[in-house]
Protein backbone atom coordinates (compact mmCIF):
# COMPACT_ATOMS: atom_id res chain seq x y z
CA UNK A 1 0.00 0.00 0.00
CA UNK A 2 2.87 2.39 0.84
CA UNK A 3 4.40 1.82 -2.58
CA UNK A 4 1.09 2.50 -4.34
CA UNK A 5 0.79 5.74 -2.41
CA UNK A 6 4.23 6.71 -3.67
CA UNK A 7 3.18 6.06 -7.30
CA UNK A 8 0.01 8.08 -6.80
CA UNK A 9 1.91 11.07 -5.46
CA UNK A 10 4.61 10.89 -8.09
CA UNK A 11 1.92 11.02 -10.77
CA UNK A 12 -0.55 13.48 -9.32
CA UNK A 13 1.60 15.48 -6.92
CA UNK A 14 0.73 16.60 -3.47
CA UNK A 15 -2.10 19.03 -2.81
CA UNK A 16 -1.29 21.60 -0.08
CA UNK A 17 -3.58 24.37 0.99
CA UNK A 18 -1.97 27.80 1.36
CA UNK A 19 -1.90 28.38 5.09
CA UNK A 20 0.35 30.27 7.46
CA UNK A 21 3.01 27.92 8.98
CA UNK A 22 4.28 28.82 12.41
CA UNK A 23 7.45 26.70 12.19
CA UNK A 24 10.01 28.30 9.86
CA UNK A 25 13.06 26.63 8.31
CA UNK A 26 15.96 27.80 6.17
CA UNK A 27 18.67 25.75 4.44
CA UNK A 28 20.62 28.67 2.94
CA UNK A 29 21.29 30.81 6.02
CA UNK A 30 24.15 28.69 7.41
CA UNK A 31 26.62 26.10 6.17
CA UNK A 32 26.71 22.80 8.08
CA UNK A 33 29.88 23.97 9.85
CA UNK A 34 28.19 27.22 10.86
CA UNK A 35 25.16 25.31 12.10
CA UNK A 36 27.45 23.41 14.45
CA UNK A 37 29.69 26.28 15.55
CA UNK A 38 27.16 29.10 15.68
CA UNK A 39 23.89 27.32 16.46
CA UNK A 40 24.31 23.92 18.12
CA UNK A 41 27.29 24.43 20.43
CA UNK A 42 26.93 26.03 23.86
CA UNK A 43 29.55 27.31 26.29
CA UNK A 44 32.34 25.02 27.40
CA UNK A 45 32.86 22.95 24.27
CA UNK A 46 34.93 23.41 21.11
CA UNK A 47 34.36 21.58 17.82
CA UNK A 48 36.55 20.72 14.81
CA UNK A 49 36.62 18.47 11.75
CA UNK A 50 32.95 19.11 10.98
CA UNK A 51 31.70 16.87 8.16
CA UNK A 52 28.20 16.65 6.70
CA UNK A 53 27.11 13.72 4.53
CA UNK A 54 23.78 14.40 2.94
CA UNK A 55 21.81 16.65 0.65
CA UNK A 56 21.70 20.44 1.19
CA UNK A 57 17.89 20.41 1.40
CA UNK A 58 17.99 17.95 4.29
CA UNK A 59 19.77 20.20 6.80
CA UNK A 60 19.19 23.75 7.98
CA UNK A 61 18.09 26.17 10.66
CA UNK A 62 14.66 26.16 12.31
CA UNK A 63 12.73 28.67 14.36
CA UNK A 64 10.12 27.00 16.52
CA UNK A 65 9.26 29.93 18.80
CA UNK A 66 5.71 30.11 17.43
CA UNK A 67 5.24 26.36 17.14
CA UNK A 68 4.50 23.56 19.56
CA UNK A 69 7.74 21.67 18.88
CA UNK A 70 9.01 22.65 22.34
CA UNK A 71 12.30 24.22 21.16
CA UNK A 72 12.68 27.88 20.26
CA UNK A 73 15.32 27.40 17.53
CA UNK A 74 18.19 25.22 16.42
CA UNK A 75 19.44 22.79 13.79
CA UNK A 76 17.11 20.50 11.82
CA UNK A 77 18.35 17.31 10.08
CA UNK A 78 15.94 15.20 7.96
CA UNK A 79 15.76 12.16 5.71
CA UNK A 80 14.18 14.25 2.97
CA UNK A 81 13.55 17.99 2.72
CA UNK A 82 13.42 20.31 5.74
CA UNK A 83 10.48 22.15 4.11
CA UNK A 84 8.36 19.03 4.72
CA UNK A 85 8.57 19.71 8.46
CA UNK A 86 6.64 22.98 8.13
CA UNK A 87 3.03 22.87 9.24
CA UNK A 88 0.12 22.70 9.21
CA UNK A 89 -0.34 18.94 9.03
CA UNK A 90 -2.43 19.07 5.87
CA UNK A 91 -0.67 16.44 3.73
CA UNK A 92 -1.13 12.68 3.86
CA UNK A 93 2.28 12.18 2.32
CA UNK A 94 5.12 14.59 3.10
CA UNK A 95 8.14 12.99 1.49
CA UNK A 96 11.26 13.75 -0.50
CA UNK A 97 13.68 11.12 -1.82
CA UNK A 98 17.38 12.10 -1.72
CA UNK A 99 18.62 8.75 -3.13
CA UNK A 100 21.29 8.46 -0.43
CA UNK A 101 22.90 5.21 0.63
CA UNK A 102 22.57 3.44 3.96
CA UNK A 103 24.72 3.74 7.11
CA UNK A 104 25.97 0.62 8.90
CA UNK A 105 25.46 2.05 12.39
CA UNK A 106 21.88 2.99 11.53
CA UNK A 107 21.32 -0.50 10.04
CA UNK A 108 22.42 -2.01 13.35
CA UNK A 109 20.37 0.41 15.42
CA UNK A 110 17.04 -0.12 13.56
CA UNK A 111 17.63 -3.83 12.77
CA UNK A 112 16.83 -3.06 9.16
CA UNK A 113 18.52 -1.55 6.18
CA UNK A 114 18.66 2.26 6.22
CA UNK A 115 18.07 4.60 3.27
CA UNK A 116 18.56 8.35 2.73
CA UNK A 117 20.82 8.68 5.77
CA UNK A 118 21.75 12.31 6.62
CA UNK A 119 24.83 12.42 8.85
CA UNK A 120 26.48 15.36 10.64
CA UNK A 121 29.65 14.51 12.59
CA UNK A 122 32.48 16.39 14.27
CA UNK A 123 35.19 16.20 16.93
CA UNK A 124 34.72 18.11 20.17
CA UNK A 125 36.61 18.85 23.38
CA UNK A 126 34.41 19.27 26.48
CA UNK A 127 35.31 21.38 29.51
CA UNK A 128 33.17 19.22 31.77
CA UNK A 129 32.79 15.57 32.69
CA UNK A 130 29.41 15.24 30.98
CA UNK A 131 28.14 16.37 27.61
CA UNK A 132 24.48 16.80 26.73
CA UNK A 133 22.06 18.28 24.22
CA UNK A 134 18.28 18.56 23.78
CA UNK A 135 16.28 17.33 20.82
CA UNK A 136 12.89 16.32 19.38
CA UNK A 137 12.31 13.48 16.88
CA UNK A 138 9.39 13.65 14.44
CA UNK A 139 8.18 11.51 11.55
CA UNK A 140 5.58 11.29 8.83
CA UNK A 141 5.58 7.49 9.31
CA UNK A 142 3.24 7.81 12.30
CA UNK A 143 0.93 6.01 12.92
CA UNK A 144 0.19 4.06 9.74
CA UNK A 145 3.61 2.39 9.49
CA UNK A 146 4.49 1.67 13.10
CA UNK A 147 5.77 -1.95 13.41
CA UNK A 148 5.52 -2.45 9.63
CA UNK A 149 9.21 -2.66 8.74
CA UNK A 150 9.39 1.08 7.99
CA UNK A 151 11.23 1.92 11.21
CA UNK A 152 12.77 5.40 10.69
CA UNK A 153 15.32 6.20 13.42
CA UNK A 154 17.84 8.67 14.78
CA UNK A 155 21.23 7.90 16.33
CA UNK A 156 23.75 9.96 18.32
CA UNK A 157 26.97 7.95 18.20
CA UNK A 158 29.71 9.18 20.52
CA UNK A 159 33.24 7.77 20.73
CA UNK A 160 36.40 8.68 22.59
CA UNK A 161 38.33 8.08 25.83
CA UNK A 162 36.41 5.98 28.34
CA UNK A 163 33.63 5.06 25.89
CA UNK A 164 33.07 1.50 24.60
CA UNK A 165 30.09 0.61 22.46
CA UNK A 166 28.93 -1.70 19.63
CA UNK A 167 29.10 0.85 16.86
CA UNK A 168 31.87 2.21 14.64
CA UNK A 169 35.04 3.25 16.53
CA UNK A 170 33.58 1.63 19.66
CA UNK A 171 30.98 4.40 19.78
CA UNK A 172 27.75 4.18 21.73
CA UNK A 173 24.31 5.58 20.91
CA UNK A 174 23.00 8.14 23.39
CA UNK A 175 19.72 8.86 21.53
CA UNK A 176 17.60 6.69 23.85
CA UNK A 177 14.01 6.58 24.99
CA UNK A 178 14.20 8.20 28.48
CA UNK A 179 14.53 5.63 31.25
CA UNK A 180 15.33 2.79 28.81
CA UNK A 181 18.08 1.48 26.56
CA UNK A 182 15.82 1.60 23.49
CA UNK A 183 17.00 3.70 20.55
CA UNK A 184 14.78 6.49 19.23
CA UNK A 185 12.79 4.87 16.41
CA UNK A 186 9.24 5.04 15.09
CA UNK A 187 8.59 1.59 16.55
CA UNK A 188 9.97 2.38 20.03
CA UNK A 189 8.02 5.56 20.76
CA UNK A 190 4.51 6.11 19.49
CA UNK A 191 0.86 6.08 20.55
CA UNK A 192 1.13 2.43 21.63
CA UNK A 193 4.59 2.34 23.22
CA UNK A 194 5.94 5.02 25.53
CA UNK A 195 2.97 7.17 24.56
CA UNK A 196 3.38 9.74 27.41
CA UNK A 197 6.61 10.77 25.69
CA UNK A 198 4.98 11.25 22.30
CA UNK A 199 2.66 13.84 20.73
CA UNK A 200 -0.05 12.87 18.21
CA UNK A 201 -0.09 15.57 15.51
CA UNK A 202 -2.89 13.97 13.42
CA UNK A 203 -5.99 14.05 15.60
CA UNK A 204 -6.68 16.87 15.38
CA UNK A 205 -4.24 17.94 12.62
CA UNK A 206 -1.48 20.14 14.02
CA UNK A 207 -1.23 23.69 12.78
CA UNK A 208 2.51 24.28 13.18
CA UNK A 209 4.26 20.97 12.31
CA UNK A 210 3.67 18.78 9.25
CA UNK A 211 4.92 15.50 10.76
CA UNK A 212 2.12 13.19 11.95
CA UNK A 213 3.79 12.74 15.33
CA UNK A 214 6.82 13.82 17.32
CA UNK A 215 8.39 13.21 20.71
CA UNK A 216 8.53 15.42 23.72
CA UNK A 217 11.82 17.26 24.30
CA UNK A 218 14.53 14.71 25.22
CA UNK A 219 18.07 15.16 26.49
CA UNK A 220 20.98 13.08 25.25
CA UNK A 221 23.70 12.72 27.89
CA UNK A 222 27.11 11.07 27.98
CA UNK A 223 29.93 11.00 30.47
CA UNK A 224 33.22 12.29 29.07
CA UNK A 225 36.65 13.23 30.30
CA UNK A 226 37.35 16.93 30.64
CA UNK A 227 39.74 18.29 28.00
CA UNK A 228 39.83 15.06 25.92
CA UNK A 229 38.88 14.82 22.24
CA UNK A 230 35.65 12.99 21.34
CA UNK A 231 33.76 12.33 18.16
CA UNK A 232 30.00 12.49 17.68
CA UNK A 233 27.96 11.31 14.70
CA UNK A 234 24.39 12.62 14.48
CA UNK A 235 22.47 10.48 11.99
CA UNK A 236 18.87 10.10 10.83
CA UNK A 237 17.66 7.62 8.23
CA UNK A 238 14.56 6.09 6.63
CA UNK A 239 14.00 2.48 7.51
CA UNK A 240 13.07 -0.07 4.83
CA UNK A 241 12.33 2.45 2.06
CA UNK A 242 13.07 6.09 1.13
CA UNK A 243 9.62 7.62 1.45
CA UNK A 244 7.87 9.48 4.28
CA UNK A 245 10.24 12.00 5.84
CA UNK A 246 11.52 12.01 9.40
CA UNK A 247 13.45 14.78 11.10
CA UNK A 248 15.46 15.57 14.19
CA UNK A 249 15.32 19.03 15.85
CA UNK A 250 18.48 19.90 17.87
CA UNK A 251 18.12 22.84 20.28
CA UNK A 252 20.37 25.86 19.73
CA UNK A 253 23.16 26.17 22.30
CA UNK A 254 22.26 22.89 24.02
CA UNK A 255 25.34 20.87 23.01
CA UNK A 256 27.48 21.67 26.03
CA UNK A 257 29.17 20.11 29.05
CA UNK A 258 27.29 19.51 32.23
CA UNK A 259 29.58 21.97 33.94
CA UNK A 260 28.11 25.13 32.49
CA UNK A 261 28.93 28.26 34.44
CA UNK A 262 27.28 31.66 34.53
CA UNK A 263 26.26 34.39 36.91
CA UNK A 264 23.95 37.36 36.61
CA UNK A 265 25.40 40.82 36.69
CA UNK A 266 24.09 42.47 39.86
CA UNK A 267 22.19 45.74 39.70
CA UNK A 268 24.48 48.75 39.50
CA UNK A 269 25.13 50.59 42.77
CA UNK A 270 26.61 53.95 43.70
CA UNK A 271 30.35 54.04 44.40
CA UNK A 272 30.13 55.14 48.02
CA UNK A 273 28.99 52.32 50.27
CA UNK A 274 28.63 49.81 47.41
CA UNK A 275 28.35 46.17 48.48
CA UNK A 276 27.74 43.62 45.74
CA UNK A 277 26.56 40.04 46.07
CA UNK A 278 27.19 37.32 43.49
CA UNK A 279 25.83 33.83 42.97
CA UNK A 280 27.40 31.15 40.80
CA UNK A 281 24.86 29.79 38.32
CA UNK A 282 24.83 27.21 35.58
CA UNK A 283 24.99 23.44 35.66
CA UNK A 284 27.44 21.67 37.95
CA UNK A 285 27.42 19.15 40.76
CA UNK A 286 27.62 21.56 43.62
CA UNK A 287 29.22 19.75 46.57
CA UNK A 288 32.17 18.51 44.52
CA UNK A 289 32.65 21.86 42.80
CA UNK A 290 35.18 24.55 43.70
CA UNK A 291 34.71 28.26 42.93
CA UNK A 292 37.24 30.94 42.15
CA UNK A 293 35.99 34.51 41.77
CA UNK A 294 38.29 37.24 40.46
CA UNK A 295 36.78 40.67 41.06
CA UNK A 296 39.64 42.60 39.49
CA UNK A 297 41.93 45.42 40.66
CA UNK A 298 40.36 48.05 42.84
CA UNK A 299 38.04 45.60 44.57
CA UNK A 300 37.84 44.42 48.15
CA UNK A 301 38.23 41.51 48.42
CA UNK A 302 40.14 40.80 45.24
CA UNK A 303 38.89 37.19 45.11
CA UNK A 304 36.61 34.67 46.78
CA UNK A 305 36.16 30.87 46.90
CA UNK A 306 32.53 31.00 47.98
CA UNK A 307 29.64 30.00 45.77
CA UNK A 308 27.72 33.12 46.76
CA UNK A 309 30.19 35.81 47.85
CA UNK A 310 28.71 38.97 49.34
CA UNK A 311 29.97 42.33 50.54
CA UNK A 312 32.24 42.90 47.56
CA UNK A 313 33.25 46.56 47.33
CA UNK A 314 34.58 48.29 44.24
CA UNK A 315 36.68 51.37 44.91
CA UNK A 316 36.44 52.98 41.48
CA UNK A 317 33.39 53.82 39.36
CA UNK A 318 32.88 52.30 35.94
CA UNK A 319 32.61 48.87 34.35
CA UNK A 320 34.42 46.09 36.21
CA UNK A 321 35.12 42.68 34.67
CA UNK A 322 34.42 39.78 37.05
CA UNK A 323 35.54 36.22 36.29
CA UNK A 324 34.07 33.05 37.81
CA UNK A 325 35.91 29.76 37.45
CA UNK A 326 34.16 26.55 38.50
CA UNK A 327 36.13 23.30 38.74
CA UNK A 328 34.47 19.93 39.07
CA UNK A 329 36.09 16.50 38.79
CA UNK A 330 39.12 17.99 37.09
CA UNK A 331 37.06 20.07 34.64
CA UNK A 332 37.18 23.83 34.66
CA UNK A 333 34.74 26.31 33.21
CA UNK A 334 35.15 30.09 33.12
CA UNK A 335 32.52 32.79 32.79
CA UNK A 336 33.06 36.54 32.58
CA UNK A 337 30.48 39.22 33.20
CA UNK A 338 30.56 42.93 33.85
CA UNK A 339 29.56 44.87 36.93
CA UNK A 340 28.70 48.55 36.72
CA UNK A 341 29.57 50.89 39.58
CA UNK A 342 27.92 54.29 39.17
CA UNK A 343 29.95 57.40 39.98
CA UNK A 344 28.99 59.68 42.82
CA UNK A 345 27.57 63.08 42.04
CA UNK A 346 30.26 65.72 41.72
CA UNK A 347 30.18 69.47 42.08
CA UNK A 348 32.68 72.28 42.32
CA UNK A 349 32.40 75.73 43.90
CA UNK A 350 33.61 79.04 42.54
CA UNK A 351 33.05 82.47 44.10
CA UNK A 352 34.86 85.72 43.59
CA UNK A 353 35.41 88.04 46.55
CA UNK A 354 32.48 90.42 47.01
CA UNK A 355 33.83 93.82 48.14
CA UNK A 356 31.73 96.87 48.89
CA UNK A 357 30.56 99.12 51.73
CA UNK A 358 27.67 98.49 54.11
CA UNK A 359 24.81 98.16 53.72
CA UNK A 360 25.39 95.80 50.80
CA UNK A 361 23.25 92.89 49.59
CA UNK A 362 25.03 89.90 48.04
CA UNK A 363 23.07 87.77 45.56
CA UNK A 364 24.74 84.41 46.10
CA UNK A 365 22.73 82.89 43.23
CA UNK A 366 24.76 85.10 40.89
CA UNK A 367 28.00 85.39 42.85
CA UNK A 368 28.47 81.61 43.31
CA UNK A 369 28.65 78.89 40.65
CA UNK A 370 28.17 75.18 41.29
CA UNK A 371 28.87 72.57 38.63
CA UNK A 372 26.40 69.69 38.40
CA UNK A 373 22.96 69.47 39.97
CA UNK A 374 22.30 70.60 43.54
CA UNK A 375 19.43 69.22 45.61
CA UNK A 376 19.86 71.27 48.78
CA UNK A 377 22.21 73.74 50.43
CA UNK A 378 22.97 75.12 53.90
CA UNK A 379 24.75 78.50 54.02
CA UNK A 380 26.69 80.23 56.78
CA UNK A 381 27.30 83.89 55.94
CA UNK A 382 29.97 84.66 58.55
CA UNK A 383 27.95 87.28 60.43
CA UNK A 384 25.97 84.86 62.57
CA UNK A 385 23.19 84.28 60.03
CA UNK A 386 22.35 81.21 57.91
CA UNK A 387 20.07 80.14 55.07
CA UNK A 388 18.84 76.91 53.48
CA UNK A 389 17.88 78.55 50.20
CA UNK A 390 19.51 77.24 47.03
CA UNK A 391 20.11 80.80 45.77
CA UNK A 392 20.03 83.10 48.80
CA UNK A 393 20.53 86.85 49.02
CA UNK A 394 21.97 88.39 52.16
CA UNK A 395 22.56 91.95 53.34
CA UNK A 396 25.79 92.84 55.17
CA UNK A 397 25.26 95.82 57.47
CA UNK A 398 28.66 96.33 59.13
CA UNK A 399 32.24 96.73 58.02
CA UNK A 400 34.52 93.71 58.25
CA UNK A 401 35.74 90.57 56.48
CA UNK A 402 33.29 87.65 56.36
CA UNK A 403 34.04 83.96 55.73
CA UNK A 404 31.27 82.13 53.85
CA UNK A 405 30.70 78.36 53.93
CA UNK A 406 28.08 76.20 52.23
CA UNK A 407 27.20 72.51 52.49
CA UNK A 408 25.42 71.14 49.41
CA UNK A 409 23.88 67.84 48.41
CA UNK A 410 24.79 67.10 44.78
CA UNK A 411 22.99 64.53 42.61
CA UNK A 412 23.45 62.94 39.17
CA UNK A 413 21.46 60.87 36.68
CA UNK A 414 22.17 57.71 38.69
CA UNK A 415 20.78 59.20 41.90
CA UNK A 416 24.18 58.83 43.58
CA UNK A 417 23.94 61.81 45.94
CA UNK A 418 27.01 63.20 47.69
CA UNK A 419 27.46 65.95 50.24
CA UNK A 420 30.17 68.58 49.80
CA UNK A 421 31.23 71.45 52.06
CA UNK A 422 33.00 74.49 50.62
CA UNK A 423 34.64 77.32 52.56
CA UNK A 424 35.55 80.73 51.15
CA UNK A 425 37.69 82.82 53.53
CA UNK A 426 37.11 86.58 53.28
CA UNK A 427 34.38 85.93 50.74
CA UNK A 428 32.71 89.26 51.56
CA UNK A 429 34.66 92.39 52.54
CA UNK A 430 32.76 95.44 53.81
CA UNK A 431 34.97 98.57 53.74
CA UNK A 432 34.56 101.83 55.61
CA UNK A 433 32.05 104.14 53.95
CA UNK A 434 33.57 107.42 52.64
CA UNK A 435 32.36 110.45 54.62
CA UNK A 436 31.46 113.62 52.76
CA UNK A 437 31.21 116.88 54.75
CA UNK A 438 32.18 120.53 54.42
CA UNK A 439 31.31 123.88 55.95
CA UNK A 440 30.47 127.14 54.15
CA UNK A 441 30.87 130.61 55.67
CA UNK A 442 28.66 132.51 55.52
CA UNK A 443 25.62 130.49 54.54
CA UNK A 444 23.52 133.63 54.06
CA UNK A 445 24.92 136.87 52.59
CA UNK A 446 24.16 139.82 50.33
CA UNK A 447 24.86 139.95 46.66
CA UNK A 448 27.19 142.80 47.57
CA UNK A 449 29.28 140.40 49.67
CA UNK A 450 29.14 137.09 47.64
CA UNK A 451 32.48 135.56 48.69
CA UNK A 452 31.93 132.21 50.48
CA UNK A 453 34.66 130.24 52.28
CA UNK A 454 34.36 126.43 51.98
CA UNK A 455 36.22 124.17 54.45
CA UNK A 456 36.68 120.43 53.67
CA UNK A 457 35.73 118.01 56.48
CA UNK A 458 35.50 114.76 54.44
CA UNK A 459 37.33 111.47 55.08
CA UNK A 460 38.14 108.22 53.22
CA UNK A 461 37.72 109.69 49.75
CA UNK A 462 39.97 109.10 46.77
CA UNK A 463 37.82 110.74 44.14
CA UNK A 464 36.12 113.94 45.33
CA UNK A 465 34.23 116.84 43.76
CA UNK A 466 32.59 119.94 45.25
CA UNK A 467 29.83 121.40 43.11
CA UNK A 468 29.04 125.02 44.06
CA UNK A 469 25.57 124.95 42.56
CA UNK A 470 26.15 127.76 40.04
CA UNK A 471 27.74 125.53 37.37
CA UNK A 472 31.27 125.63 38.69
CA UNK A 473 33.07 122.99 40.72
CA UNK A 474 36.22 122.12 42.63
CA UNK A 475 37.81 118.69 42.06
CA UNK A 476 40.04 117.00 44.59
CA UNK A 477 40.00 115.54 48.07
CA UNK A 478 41.28 117.18 51.26
CA UNK A 479 41.34 120.67 49.69
CA UNK A 480 41.42 122.42 53.08
CA UNK A 481 39.70 125.76 52.45
CA UNK A 482 38.54 127.33 49.21
CA UNK A 483 36.97 130.70 48.38
CA UNK A 484 34.18 130.95 45.84
CA UNK A 485 32.45 134.12 44.62
CA UNK A 486 28.86 133.87 43.44
CA UNK A 487 28.10 136.21 40.55
CA UNK A 488 24.38 136.39 41.12
CA UNK A 489 21.94 136.24 43.92
CA UNK A 490 19.79 133.18 44.67
CA UNK A 491 19.86 129.95 46.64
CA UNK A 492 22.61 127.59 45.57
CA UNK A 493 22.91 123.93 46.72
CA UNK A 494 26.58 123.19 47.19
CA UNK A 495 27.20 119.42 46.90
CA UNK A 496 30.24 117.31 47.76
CA UNK A 497 30.45 113.77 46.27
CA UNK A 498 33.10 111.35 47.55
CA UNK A 499 34.09 107.96 46.19
CA UNK A 500 36.51 105.50 47.81
CA UNK A 501 38.78 103.01 46.09
CA UNK A 502 36.10 100.35 45.54
CA UNK A 503 33.39 102.67 44.26
CA UNK A 504 31.42 103.38 47.43
CA UNK A 505 30.10 106.96 47.49
CA UNK A 506 28.78 109.52 49.96
CA UNK A 507 27.16 112.89 49.36
CA UNK A 508 26.88 116.03 51.51
CA UNK A 509 24.91 119.23 50.71
CA UNK A 510 24.60 122.77 52.04
CA UNK A 511 22.39 125.57 50.72
CA UNK A 512 24.08 128.94 50.15
CA UNK A 513 21.62 131.89 50.15
CA UNK A 514 22.88 134.93 48.22
CA UNK A 515 20.23 137.56 48.86
CA UNK A 516 19.49 140.43 46.48
CA UNK A 517 19.95 144.08 47.68
CA UNK A 518 18.94 147.36 45.89
CA UNK A 519 21.56 150.02 45.44
CA UNK A 520 21.96 152.80 42.85
CA UNK A 521 24.26 155.66 41.87
CA UNK A 522 23.34 157.99 38.99
CA UNK A 523 25.79 160.75 38.06
CA UNK A 524 24.48 164.17 36.83
CA UNK A 525 27.14 164.87 34.17
CA UNK A 526 29.74 163.15 31.98
CA UNK A 527 32.43 164.25 29.55
CA UNK A 528 32.95 162.86 26.09
CA UNK A 529 36.42 164.28 25.48
CA UNK A 530 38.05 160.89 24.90
CA UNK A 531 40.32 160.99 27.92
CA UNK A 532 38.92 157.64 29.16
CA UNK A 533 37.53 159.23 32.30
CA UNK A 534 33.77 159.49 32.73
CA UNK A 535 33.24 159.17 28.96
CA UNK A 536 30.01 157.12 29.35
CA UNK A 537 26.84 157.86 31.28
CA UNK A 538 26.22 154.57 33.17
CA UNK A 539 23.84 154.43 36.14
CA UNK A 540 25.01 151.96 38.81
CA UNK A 541 21.95 149.96 39.94
CA UNK A 542 21.96 146.63 41.75
CA UNK A 543 19.21 144.39 43.06
CA UNK A 544 16.71 144.94 40.26
CA UNK A 545 15.15 143.07 37.36
CA UNK A 546 13.18 144.05 34.24
CA UNK A 547 15.55 146.97 33.85
CA UNK A 548 15.08 149.68 31.14
CA UNK A 549 17.28 152.77 30.58
CA UNK A 550 16.43 155.53 28.00
CA UNK A 551 17.86 158.98 26.97
CA UNK A 552 15.78 161.86 25.48
CA UNK A 553 16.64 165.35 24.23
CA UNK A 554 14.77 168.38 25.45
CA UNK A 555 12.19 167.93 22.70
CA UNK A 556 11.43 164.34 23.76
CA UNK A 557 13.19 162.46 20.99
CA UNK A 558 14.61 159.11 22.13
CA UNK A 559 18.35 159.02 21.61
CA UNK A 560 19.35 155.80 23.42
CA UNK A 561 17.74 152.68 24.96
CA UNK A 562 18.99 149.49 26.67
CA UNK A 563 17.83 146.78 29.12
CA UNK A 564 21.36 145.80 30.15
CA UNK A 565 22.57 146.89 33.56
CA UNK A 566 26.16 147.18 32.40
CA UNK A 567 25.50 149.16 29.18
CA UNK A 568 25.70 152.98 29.27
CA UNK A 569 25.19 156.00 26.82
CA UNK A 570 28.30 157.21 25.03
CA UNK A 571 26.74 160.55 24.08
CA UNK A 572 26.07 159.60 20.46
CA UNK A 573 22.93 159.40 18.37
CA UNK A 574 22.97 157.56 15.08
CA UNK A 575 26.75 157.44 15.32
CA UNK A 576 27.19 161.21 15.71
CA UNK A 577 28.32 162.85 18.96
CA UNK A 578 25.53 164.97 20.41
CA UNK A 579 26.10 168.61 21.28
CA UNK A 580 26.92 169.76 24.74
CA UNK A 581 23.58 170.17 26.49
CA UNK A 582 21.28 168.90 29.22
CA UNK A 583 19.40 165.68 28.45
CA UNK A 584 16.66 163.68 30.19
CA UNK A 585 17.03 160.04 31.31
CA UNK A 586 14.31 157.56 32.32
CA UNK A 587 15.07 154.39 34.32
CA UNK A 588 12.45 151.73 35.17
CA UNK A 589 12.85 148.40 37.03
CA UNK A 590 11.43 145.99 39.62
CA UNK A 591 13.13 146.09 42.98
CA UNK A 592 14.24 142.53 43.95
CA UNK A 593 13.97 143.31 47.63
CA UNK A 594 10.34 144.56 47.79
CA UNK A 595 9.29 143.25 44.37
CA UNK A 596 7.82 146.67 43.45
CA UNK A 597 7.97 148.48 40.08
CA UNK A 598 9.78 151.83 39.98
CA UNK A 599 10.33 154.51 37.30
CA UNK A 600 12.76 157.41 37.70
CA UNK A 601 13.32 160.58 35.59
CA UNK A 602 16.32 162.85 35.81
CA UNK A 603 18.72 165.16 33.96
CA UNK A 604 22.22 164.50 32.75
CA UNK A 605 24.61 167.13 31.37
CA UNK A 606 26.79 166.18 28.42
CA UNK A 607 30.08 168.06 28.39
CA UNK A 608 32.58 168.07 25.51
C-alpha cells in the first residue's frame, strides 16, 4: 500500500492548501559547519573536523518559537527535505527522496537496512565531565507504518576516551528513549509504546508541524573526560524504504558540558557604600565543585572561593570585569560578566570676593557657581546668620571681612547623591564708607558780599568733587579751604560727592543763600572828550530786574535805549556825537527786595 501511495503522489503530486506555517526553516542561512559552531554548540565545548554527509535540502536552521515543537530554535536534520517539516499537518504524504545510501550504524540500530541517511559529525573537546544536548524526533511514518518494517530512526553515536560501544570506533548511541536502553525509532516511541513521551499531531491535525507525530523534548547525555577529544555522529535515516520524511530538531546552544557556568550581573550601585553580592549559576554538581571569583583590581576583596560571595566593594566607578571559574572533577569552566559601579555626584564651587561698603546685599545665586545638579544647600554667611535657600541673598550691614561656607547635596542621573562642604575665607569684605562733609561761611549773605569760604571736612575719599551749585566745581579731596564768589543772587545747593577706592560713594549738601539788595548811583554829568575818564553815562543799579534805561533830548526824541545793567550811553545818536547840552534820562525796574515796580526821571549834562 505504501508503494502505491508513492506512485500516486509521483503522478498526481501533493495538494497543499496555502496556510500560514508557524514553524520556519531555512537551508541557505548557514553552512553545516556554521550550524554546528554558531547554532548547536553552547559554552564550554569546542568543535573541529565538521563533516556533513547528505543533501543540502535535508539540513538547515529552524525557528520553533511560534510552534508547539518545544524548542525555540536550532538545527534541523531530515531524511528528505526540511520544508516538509513545516506545518500545518495538511498532507497525507510529506516525502522527498534524496537517493542516499545506507549507514551501517543505523542498520544495526534499527535492525533493518537504512536509506537516505543524513549524517552530521564532528570532533569536540568538552570542559566538563558530561556532555548533553536537547532534541525532538518527528516523523511522517506515524501512525500508519508503526511496526511495519518502515522503522525510521535517529542515532547519536559518541566515541572517545572511556567510551566502549557496539558501533563504529567503539561508539555508543545516546539517543535513547528516556529511562530505557531503546533507541529512538518510530517503533519504540509512538501512541502504543511510551505514549506519554509522544505527541499525536494527526488528531486533530497540528497547525505548526507537518509530521504526523513527534516526541517530547529529550536530552541526550554522555559522560566524558574533561579536555579530551571525542567524536559524535548525528544520523537520521529512513528504515526499509526512502519515502515518508523524518526529522530531528536539535536545540540551539544545548550541546554543552554539564559543567556550564554563569552568573547574573548584579544591579548597579553607587560608588560610596557599594556592596555587591554574586551567585554562581549554571549546571554543575555543587558539593564537589570549587569556585574561584576574580573581582579585578580596585576591589575588596580581590577574590573569593565562595559559591555566593557577598559584601564585595569596588573602589572605582565604571565597568568592572568579574571572572568566575568553577572546577568539578578535574574540569574547569570560566565565565566573565561585567559589573557597573555608578559614579557619585560631583560638584565644584567658585566664588569671587564680594567687596563693597555696608549696607550691601550679596546675591549668592549670581556670585556663586556650582557645577552639576544641587538638591539642597545650607549657608553660613559669617555674620551669625544662615540660610537653606539654594540661591540666597543676604545683606551685610557692618564693616569687616566675612568667611562664607556652604554645604550642598549634589545629585546625578544615577541618583548617587554626595554631600560637599565648601569654605571661602574673606568671601565678603565690607569697607569703611567714605564720609562727605564741608562747611560754608557765611551760609547767608548779600549779593554785595558774595564771597563764600568752603572748608573740607571729608574722610576716606579718593575721588572727590565739590559742586558750588552755580555751574562751577572744585575737584580733589582734602582741599582744606577754598573761596568761591557767586556772581548772582539766589539759593545755591553746594554738593560734595566722595568715592573711595572700591566705588562706594557719599554725598553732603549745604544751601548757600545769596540775597538780592537794591543800590543805585546815577551821576548828573559826563564828559565825552576821549580821555577815558567818565566818557560814558552809566547808572550803577543793583538788586533789580526788568531793567530799562532811556535817553531823550529836550524835545522828547529818544536818543538811546537798553535793558542791560552794564550798558551805558556814550553821548552819540545815530553814530554822531551829540552837542553839549542837558538831556533827560528815564530808568524803570522791579526792585528785587520789595518786588515793586519803579520809574525814575532825571537830567544828565553832556560836556565836551
